[in-house]
Protein backbone atom coordinates (compact mmCIF):
# COMPACT_ATOMS: atom_id res chain seq x y z
CA THR A 1 37.40 1.21 28.36
CA LEU A 2 37.83 -1.87 27.07
CA LEU A 3 39.92 -4.84 28.35
CA ASP A 4 40.13 -7.66 26.30
CA GLY A 5 41.35 -10.81 27.31
CA ASP A 6 43.86 -11.45 24.39
CA ASN A 7 44.94 -7.81 24.69
CA VAL A 8 45.78 -8.47 28.29
CA ARG A 9 47.37 -11.47 28.06
CA HIS A 10 50.20 -10.15 25.23
CA GLY A 11 50.80 -7.32 27.42
CA LEU A 12 50.13 -7.08 31.56
CA ASN A 13 49.67 -10.92 31.92
CA CYS A 14 52.40 -12.14 29.51
CA ASN A 15 53.90 -14.14 31.99
CA LEU A 16 51.12 -16.24 32.91
CA GLY A 17 50.02 -19.67 31.05
CA PHE A 18 46.54 -21.27 31.61
CA SER A 19 47.26 -23.69 34.53
CA ALA A 20 44.38 -22.95 37.19
CA GLU A 21 46.39 -20.74 39.46
CA ASP A 22 47.40 -18.82 36.05
CA ARG A 23 43.96 -18.47 35.28
CA GLU A 24 42.98 -17.23 38.71
CA GLU A 25 45.69 -14.86 38.87
CA ASN A 26 44.75 -13.47 35.19
CA VAL A 27 41.19 -12.90 36.48
CA ARG A 28 42.45 -11.35 39.61
CA ARG A 29 44.76 -8.87 37.78
CA ILE A 30 41.83 -7.91 35.10
CA GLY A 31 39.51 -7.34 38.00
CA GLU A 32 42.09 -5.33 40.02
CA VAL A 33 42.64 -3.12 36.80
CA ALA A 34 38.77 -2.63 36.01
CA LYS A 35 38.59 -1.56 39.75
CA LEU A 36 41.30 1.12 39.24
CA MET A 37 39.42 2.14 36.13
CA VAL A 38 36.15 2.55 37.75
CA GLU A 39 37.33 4.35 40.55
CA ALA A 40 38.86 6.85 38.21
CA GLY A 41 35.52 7.33 36.94
CA LEU A 42 35.60 5.19 33.78
CA VAL A 43 33.10 2.90 32.42
CA THR A 44 35.08 -0.37 31.91
CA LEU A 45 34.35 -3.59 30.12
CA ALA A 46 36.24 -6.65 30.72
CA SER A 47 35.95 -9.21 28.12
CA PHE A 48 37.76 -12.44 28.32
CA ILE A 49 36.97 -16.15 29.72
CA SER A 50 36.71 -16.36 33.39
CA PRO A 51 36.21 -20.07 33.55
CA TYR A 52 35.88 -20.76 37.32
CA ARG A 53 33.33 -19.09 39.31
CA ALA A 54 35.34 -18.87 42.52
CA ASP A 55 37.74 -16.58 40.51
CA ARG A 56 34.72 -14.27 39.18
CA ASP A 57 32.78 -14.33 42.79
CA ARG A 58 36.01 -13.08 44.32
CA VAL A 59 36.39 -10.10 41.48
CA ARG A 60 33.07 -9.48 42.48
CA ALA A 61 33.45 -9.25 46.17
CA ARG A 62 36.14 -6.39 45.50
CA GLN A 63 33.74 -3.86 43.58
CA LYS A 64 31.35 -1.72 45.01
CA PRO A 65 27.80 -3.50 44.70
CA ARG A 66 26.76 -1.37 41.64
CA ASP A 67 30.00 -1.36 40.05
CA PHE A 68 30.30 -4.88 39.00
CA ILE A 69 27.74 -6.11 35.84
CA GLU A 70 28.00 -9.80 35.27
CA ILE A 71 27.04 -10.64 31.83
CA TYR A 72 27.20 -14.13 30.67
CA MET A 73 27.32 -15.16 27.22
CA LYS A 74 25.67 -18.53 26.98
CA VAL A 75 27.36 -20.01 23.72
CA PRO A 76 27.04 -23.94 22.99
CA LEU A 77 30.29 -25.64 22.75
CA GLU A 78 29.61 -26.42 19.29
CA VAL A 79 28.97 -22.58 18.25
CA CYS A 80 32.37 -21.84 19.70
CA GLU A 81 33.90 -24.19 17.79
CA GLU A 82 32.43 -23.43 14.83
CA ARG A 83 33.37 -19.53 15.58
CA ASP A 84 36.72 -20.48 16.34
CA CYS A 85 38.92 -18.41 14.20
CA LYS A 86 42.34 -19.39 15.76
CA GLY A 87 41.82 -23.12 15.52
CA LEU A 88 42.68 -23.53 19.39
CA TYR A 89 39.62 -25.99 19.67
CA LYS A 90 41.01 -28.32 16.87
CA LEU A 91 44.21 -28.24 18.74
CA ALA A 92 42.63 -28.92 21.89
CA ARG A 93 40.69 -31.62 20.41
CA ALA A 94 43.67 -33.37 18.96
CA GLY A 95 45.58 -33.22 22.27
CA LYS A 96 47.98 -30.58 21.49
CA ILE A 97 46.46 -27.74 24.25
CA LYS A 98 45.97 -28.88 27.23
CA GLY A 99 43.58 -27.63 29.95
CA PHE A 100 41.21 -25.96 27.11
CA THR A 101 38.49 -24.58 28.44
CA GLY A 102 35.12 -26.36 27.37
CA VAL A 103 37.33 -29.33 26.22
CA ASP A 104 39.21 -31.09 29.26
CA ASP A 105 39.01 -28.26 31.62
CA PRO A 106 35.60 -27.06 32.89
CA TYR A 107 33.76 -23.99 32.34
CA GLU A 108 31.54 -23.31 35.66
CA GLU A 109 28.24 -21.24 34.74
CA PRO A 110 27.49 -18.29 37.06
CA GLU A 111 25.14 -18.77 39.41
CA ASN A 112 23.43 -15.41 39.17
CA PRO A 113 24.64 -13.10 36.49
CA GLU A 114 23.00 -10.12 36.01
CA VAL A 115 22.37 -10.58 32.40
CA VAL A 116 22.48 -13.81 30.54
CA LEU A 117 22.69 -13.53 26.72
CA GLU A 118 21.32 -16.98 25.03
CA ALA A 119 23.25 -17.41 21.68
CA ARG A 120 20.96 -19.81 20.66
CA ARG A 121 17.12 -19.40 20.54
CA ALA A 122 14.88 -21.94 21.15
CA ASP A 123 14.10 -22.39 17.80
CA GLY A 124 17.56 -23.37 17.02
CA SER A 125 18.85 -20.15 15.69
CA LEU A 126 21.39 -17.57 16.57
CA SER A 127 20.91 -14.65 18.31
CA SER A 128 22.63 -11.64 16.51
CA PRO A 129 24.95 -9.32 18.29
CA GLU A 130 22.40 -6.69 17.56
CA GLU A 131 19.84 -8.48 19.44
CA MET A 132 22.78 -9.03 22.30
CA ALA A 133 23.73 -5.59 22.50
CA ALA A 134 19.97 -4.46 22.96
CA GLN A 135 19.45 -6.81 25.74
CA ILE A 136 22.54 -5.27 27.66
CA MET A 137 21.49 -1.51 26.91
CA CYS A 138 17.74 -2.61 28.07
CA TYR A 139 19.64 -4.11 31.49
CA LEU A 140 21.59 -0.98 31.63
CA GLU A 141 18.88 1.80 30.89
CA GLY A 142 16.14 -0.58 33.24
CA HIS A 143 18.80 -0.54 36.29
CA GLY A 144 19.44 3.39 35.96
CA TYR A 145 23.21 3.19 34.44
CA LEU A 146 22.25 4.68 31.20
CA ARG A 147 19.31 7.19 30.64
CA ALA A 148 17.22 6.53 27.32
CA PRO A 149 18.11 8.78 24.93
CA LEU A 150 16.18 12.11 24.61
CA SER A 151 14.57 13.23 21.38
CA ASN A 152 17.11 15.86 20.06
CA ASN A 153 19.72 13.24 21.14
CA ALA A 154 18.54 10.54 19.02
CA VAL A 155 21.15 10.50 16.49
CA LYS A 156 23.60 9.76 18.92
CA ALA A 157 21.62 6.57 19.93
CA PRO A 158 22.50 4.38 16.89
CA LEU A 159 26.06 5.02 17.37
CA ARG A 160 26.14 3.84 20.93
CA LEU A 161 24.28 0.70 20.01
CA GLU A 162 27.05 0.41 17.09
CA ARG A 163 29.96 0.83 19.46
CA LEU A 164 27.87 -1.84 22.33
CA GLU A 165 27.40 -4.44 19.34
CA ARG A 166 31.39 -4.59 18.66
CA LEU A 167 31.77 -5.20 22.07
CA VAL A 168 29.21 -7.71 22.53
CA ALA A 169 31.07 -9.38 19.28
CA VAL A 170 34.41 -9.39 20.93
CA PRO A 171 34.05 -11.94 23.93
CA GLU A 172 35.42 -15.38 23.18
CA ALA A 173 32.43 -17.34 24.71
CA VAL A 174 32.47 -20.99 25.80
């Protein structure tokens, strides 16, 4: 199950704005929905901007220890701005959007995420969605969440990786 930040804001959280209090409530609600889904036996991915460390920590505290994996997509601000298909960074830079994460509102990096995906490599080039998906798969397999595919299931492995690549490309990182 995928809980996408934009989709959740159009439905469940349509009454929330972007003040610190509303962002806190947005994260809380998504965390509660994710918890219910996990308790129902669903693998749940929550893809959204959660700029404040305390909010993420509160959601983590409500989950069972192995039910919460924080994946931090470390994307330089200039890359976020280059990829901004909605033009929101331009509006924020022009002063038309106030409290925009990364522009005039902080993004607090996680202190101990389980996985850090570096968008920019040491040589300055960008990591591909496939490389980032492979890192996530490696973590999940290495920590017993997924089993490596058996040889007779090898055909299914590319499909699984392809789905994860699409999910890695979904988040709007800051």
